[in-house]
Amino acid sequence: IDQALLVGKVLLVGKALLVDQALLGKALLIDRALLVDRALLIDQALLVDQALLVGKALLIDQALLYRVGKRRSRLYTRQLPKMCRR
């Protein structure tokens, strides 16, 4: 853990995100738009339906877009900042 984090709530500390004891690493910048039970909105670009990979950063390169077609997947991946793709 690179920076201070709070357990149980979403805390933005630099580039770190902790969601219910699940550190996603320095890859995500969330703008107060986390729906834990339904979807994760990252930079208004990536929509993830019930998909948080714990321990390792979210696989944004492969765009875990559920209920969304491949075309959109590629489109959204291009819109993500380079930092978020790691």
N, C-alpha and C. Protein backbone atom coordinates (compact mmCIF):
# COMPACT_ATOMS: atom_id res chain seq x y z
N ILE A 1 0.86 -1.19 0.00
CA ILE A 1 0.00 0.00 0.00
C ILE A 1 0.89 1.23 0.00
N ASP A 2 0.75 2.02 -1.04
CA ASP A 2 1.62 3.17 -1.20
C ASP A 2 1.21 4.37 -0.36
N GLN A 3 -0.08 4.50 -0.12
CA GLN A 3 -0.55 5.69 0.58
C GLN A 3 -1.61 5.32 1.59
N ALA A 4 -1.99 6.30 2.42
CA ALA A 4 -2.99 6.05 3.45
C ALA A 4 -4.33 5.70 2.82
N LEU A 5 -5.02 4.72 3.38
CA LEU A 5 -6.30 4.28 2.84
C LEU A 5 -7.29 4.03 3.96
N LEU A 6 -8.56 4.24 3.64
CA LEU A 6 -9.61 3.94 4.60
C LEU A 6 -10.32 2.66 4.19
N VAL A 7 -10.66 1.83 5.16
CA VAL A 7 -11.35 0.58 4.87
C VAL A 7 -12.86 0.80 4.96
N GLY A 8 -13.58 0.21 4.02
CA GLY A 8 -15.03 0.28 4.06
C GLY A 8 -15.63 1.40 3.23
N LYS A 9 -14.83 2.39 2.90
CA LYS A 9 -15.33 3.49 2.06
C LYS A 9 -14.33 3.78 0.97
N VAL A 10 -14.83 4.43 -0.07
CA VAL A 10 -13.95 4.78 -1.18
C VAL A 10 -13.15 6.01 -0.79
N LEU A 11 -11.84 5.90 -0.82
CA LEU A 11 -10.98 7.04 -0.49
C LEU A 11 -10.01 7.28 -1.63
N LEU A 12 -10.03 8.51 -2.12
CA LEU A 12 -9.11 8.84 -3.18
C LEU A 12 -7.86 9.45 -2.55
N VAL A 13 -6.74 8.73 -2.66
CA VAL A 13 -5.48 9.25 -2.14
C VAL A 13 -4.49 9.18 -3.29
N GLY A 14 -4.27 10.31 -3.90
CA GLY A 14 -3.40 10.29 -5.08
C GLY A 14 -4.00 9.41 -6.15
N LYS A 15 -3.32 8.33 -6.46
CA LYS A 15 -3.80 7.43 -7.50
C LYS A 15 -4.18 6.08 -6.92
N ALA A 16 -4.45 6.03 -5.63
CA ALA A 16 -4.79 4.76 -5.01
C ALA A 16 -6.27 4.70 -4.70
N LEU A 17 -6.84 3.52 -4.74
CA LEU A 17 -8.25 3.33 -4.45
C LEU A 17 -8.45 2.08 -3.60
N LEU A 18 -9.17 2.24 -2.49
CA LEU A 18 -9.47 1.09 -1.65
C LEU A 18 -10.98 0.95 -1.57
N VAL A 19 -11.48 -0.20 -1.98
CA VAL A 19 -12.91 -0.44 -1.94
C VAL A 19 -13.16 -1.67 -1.08
N ASP A 20 -13.76 -1.44 0.09
CA ASP A 20 -14.09 -2.55 0.97
C ASP A 20 -12.91 -3.51 1.14
N GLN A 21 -11.79 -3.00 1.56
CA GLN A 21 -10.58 -3.77 1.83
C GLN A 21 -9.95 -4.33 0.56
N ALA A 22 -10.31 -3.82 -0.60
CA ALA A 22 -9.75 -4.33 -1.84
C ALA A 22 -8.96 -3.23 -2.54
N LEU A 23 -7.66 -3.30 -2.44
CA LEU A 23 -6.81 -2.30 -3.06
C LEU A 23 -6.67 -2.58 -4.56
N LEU A 24 -7.02 -1.60 -5.35
CA LEU A 24 -6.91 -1.79 -6.79
C LEU A 24 -5.59 -1.24 -7.33
N GLY A 25 -4.82 -0.62 -6.46
CA GLY A 25 -3.52 -0.13 -6.89
C GLY A 25 -3.56 1.31 -7.38
N LYS A 26 -2.48 1.72 -8.02
CA LYS A 26 -2.32 3.11 -8.43
C LYS A 26 -2.86 3.35 -9.84
N ALA A 27 -3.78 2.51 -10.28
CA ALA A 27 -4.17 2.59 -11.69
C ALA A 27 -5.46 3.36 -11.93
N LEU A 28 -6.23 3.60 -10.86
CA LEU A 28 -7.55 4.15 -11.09
C LEU A 28 -7.74 5.53 -10.49
N LEU A 29 -8.39 6.40 -11.24
CA LEU A 29 -8.79 7.69 -10.71
C LEU A 29 -10.31 7.75 -10.78
N ILE A 30 -10.94 7.65 -9.63
CA ILE A 30 -12.40 7.65 -9.60
C ILE A 30 -12.91 9.02 -9.20
N ASP A 31 -13.93 9.49 -9.88
CA ASP A 31 -14.47 10.81 -9.59
C ASP A 31 -15.78 10.69 -8.83
N ARG A 32 -15.73 10.18 -7.62
CA ARG A 32 -16.92 10.04 -6.77
C ARG A 32 -18.04 9.34 -7.52
N ALA A 33 -17.71 8.29 -8.27
CA ALA A 33 -18.74 7.63 -9.06
C ALA A 33 -18.61 6.12 -8.96
N LEU A 34 -18.55 5.61 -7.75
CA LEU A 34 -18.42 4.16 -7.58
C LEU A 34 -19.73 3.57 -7.08
N LEU A 35 -20.27 2.64 -7.85
CA LEU A 35 -21.45 1.91 -7.42
C LEU A 35 -20.99 0.49 -7.14
N VAL A 36 -20.75 0.17 -5.87
CA VAL A 36 -20.12 -1.09 -5.53
C VAL A 36 -20.91 -2.30 -6.02
N ASP A 37 -22.24 -2.26 -5.90
CA ASP A 37 -23.04 -3.44 -6.24
C ASP A 37 -23.39 -3.53 -7.72
N ARG A 38 -23.24 -2.43 -8.43
CA ARG A 38 -23.70 -2.47 -9.81
C ARG A 38 -22.60 -2.20 -10.82
N ALA A 39 -22.04 -1.02 -10.78
CA ALA A 39 -21.08 -0.68 -11.82
C ALA A 39 -20.01 0.26 -11.27
N LEU A 40 -18.89 0.25 -11.95
CA LEU A 40 -17.78 1.12 -11.59
C LEU A 40 -17.54 2.08 -12.74
N LEU A 41 -17.68 3.37 -12.47
CA LEU A 41 -17.48 4.36 -13.51
C LEU A 41 -16.13 5.01 -13.32
N ILE A 42 -15.24 4.82 -14.26
CA ILE A 42 -13.90 5.34 -14.15
C ILE A 42 -13.70 6.42 -15.19
N ASP A 43 -13.48 7.66 -14.71
CA ASP A 43 -13.24 8.77 -15.64
C ASP A 43 -14.34 8.90 -16.67
N GLN A 44 -15.55 8.54 -16.33
CA GLN A 44 -16.70 8.60 -17.24
C GLN A 44 -16.41 7.86 -18.53
N ALA A 45 -15.54 6.86 -18.49
CA ALA A 45 -15.18 6.19 -19.73
C ALA A 45 -15.37 4.68 -19.67
N LEU A 46 -15.05 4.09 -18.54
CA LEU A 46 -15.10 2.64 -18.45
C LEU A 46 -16.22 2.19 -17.51
N LEU A 47 -17.07 1.33 -18.00
CA LEU A 47 -18.16 0.81 -17.18
C LEU A 47 -17.91 -0.66 -16.86
N VAL A 48 -17.81 -1.00 -15.60
CA VAL A 48 -17.55 -2.37 -15.21
C VAL A 48 -18.70 -2.86 -14.35
N ASP A 49 -19.31 -3.96 -14.74
CA ASP A 49 -20.46 -4.48 -14.02
C ASP A 49 -20.05 -5.59 -13.06
N GLN A 50 -19.99 -5.28 -11.79
CA GLN A 50 -19.65 -6.25 -10.76
C GLN A 50 -18.29 -6.88 -11.04
N ALA A 51 -17.31 -6.09 -11.42
CA ALA A 51 -16.01 -6.66 -11.75
C ALA A 51 -14.89 -5.83 -11.14
N LEU A 52 -14.42 -6.26 -10.00
CA LEU A 52 -13.24 -5.64 -9.40
C LEU A 52 -12.22 -6.75 -9.16
N LEU A 53 -11.06 -6.60 -9.74
CA LEU A 53 -10.02 -7.60 -9.52
C LEU A 53 -9.21 -7.18 -8.32
N VAL A 54 -9.24 -8.01 -7.29
CA VAL A 54 -8.56 -7.69 -6.05
C VAL A 54 -7.12 -8.19 -6.11
N GLY A 55 -6.21 -7.43 -5.51
CA GLY A 55 -4.81 -7.84 -5.46
C GLY A 55 -4.00 -7.26 -6.60
N LYS A 56 -4.57 -7.27 -7.79
CA LYS A 56 -3.90 -6.70 -8.94
C LYS A 56 -4.79 -5.62 -9.52
N ALA A 57 -4.21 -4.73 -10.26
CA ALA A 57 -4.97 -3.63 -10.84
C ALA A 57 -6.04 -4.17 -11.80
N LEU A 58 -7.12 -3.43 -11.88
CA LEU A 58 -8.18 -3.77 -12.82
C LEU A 58 -7.60 -3.88 -14.23
N LEU A 59 -8.01 -4.94 -14.93
CA LEU A 59 -7.47 -5.15 -16.26
C LEU A 59 -8.16 -4.22 -17.25
N ILE A 60 -7.74 -2.97 -17.25
CA ILE A 60 -8.39 -1.98 -18.09
C ILE A 60 -8.01 -2.17 -19.55
N ASP A 61 -6.81 -2.68 -19.81
CA ASP A 61 -6.40 -2.89 -21.20
C ASP A 61 -7.38 -3.80 -21.93
N GLN A 62 -7.91 -4.77 -21.21
CA GLN A 62 -8.84 -5.69 -21.84
C GLN A 62 -10.27 -5.23 -21.68
N ALA A 63 -10.46 -4.05 -21.05
CA ALA A 63 -11.76 -3.41 -20.93
C ALA A 63 -12.84 -4.38 -20.45
N LEU A 64 -12.90 -4.59 -19.16
CA LEU A 64 -13.91 -5.49 -18.61
C LEU A 64 -15.27 -4.83 -18.67
N LEU A 65 -15.83 -4.81 -19.85
CA LEU A 65 -17.13 -4.19 -20.05
C LEU A 65 -18.18 -5.29 -20.18
N TYR A 66 -19.05 -5.39 -19.21
CA TYR A 66 -20.06 -6.42 -19.24
C TYR A 66 -21.37 -5.81 -19.76
N ARG A 67 -22.08 -6.58 -20.56
CA ARG A 67 -23.32 -6.14 -21.19
C ARG A 67 -23.07 -4.98 -22.14
N VAL A 68 -21.84 -4.86 -22.60
CA VAL A 68 -21.51 -3.82 -23.58
C VAL A 68 -20.70 -4.51 -24.68
N GLY A 69 -20.96 -4.14 -25.90
CA GLY A 69 -20.32 -4.81 -27.02
C GLY A 69 -18.84 -4.51 -27.14
N LYS A 70 -18.16 -5.28 -28.01
CA LYS A 70 -16.72 -5.13 -28.19
C LYS A 70 -16.37 -3.77 -28.80
N ARG A 71 -17.23 -3.27 -29.67
CA ARG A 71 -16.95 -1.97 -30.28
C ARG A 71 -16.79 -0.90 -29.21
N ARG A 72 -17.73 -0.86 -28.30
CA ARG A 72 -17.66 0.13 -27.23
C ARG A 72 -16.46 -0.12 -26.34
N SER A 73 -16.16 -1.38 -26.13
CA SER A 73 -15.01 -1.73 -25.30
C SER A 73 -13.75 -1.06 -25.84
N ARG A 74 -13.53 -1.20 -27.13
CA ARG A 74 -12.33 -0.60 -27.72
C ARG A 74 -12.40 0.92 -27.65
N LEU A 75 -13.57 1.46 -27.90
CA LEU A 75 -13.73 2.91 -27.88
C LEU A 75 -13.40 3.47 -26.50
N TYR A 76 -13.94 2.84 -25.46
CA TYR A 76 -13.70 3.33 -24.12
C TYR A 76 -12.24 3.17 -23.71
N THR A 77 -11.63 2.07 -24.13
CA THR A 77 -10.24 1.84 -23.77
C THR A 77 -9.36 2.96 -24.32
N ARG A 78 -9.67 3.41 -25.53
CA ARG A 78 -8.89 4.49 -26.13
C ARG A 78 -9.03 5.78 -25.34
N GLN A 79 -10.18 5.99 -24.73
CA GLN A 79 -10.42 7.24 -24.02
C GLN A 79 -9.73 7.31 -22.67
N LEU A 80 -9.32 6.16 -22.14
CA LEU A 80 -8.70 6.13 -20.83
C LEU A 80 -7.29 6.73 -20.87
N PRO A 81 -6.93 7.46 -19.83
CA PRO A 81 -5.55 7.96 -19.74
C PRO A 81 -4.58 6.80 -19.72
N LYS A 82 -3.36 7.02 -20.21
CA LYS A 82 -2.37 5.95 -20.24
C LYS A 82 -2.15 5.36 -18.86
N MET A 83 -2.15 6.21 -17.84
CA MET A 83 -1.90 5.75 -16.48
C MET A 83 -2.95 4.72 -16.07
N CYS A 84 -4.19 4.88 -16.52
CA CYS A 84 -5.25 3.98 -16.11
C CYS A 84 -5.20 2.64 -16.83
N ARG A 85 -4.42 2.57 -17.90
CA ARG A 85 -4.37 1.33 -18.66
C ARG A 85 -3.44 0.30 -18.05
N ARG A 86 -2.61 0.70 -17.08
CA ARG A 86 -1.64 -0.23 -16.51
C ARG A 86 -2.30 -1.16 -15.52
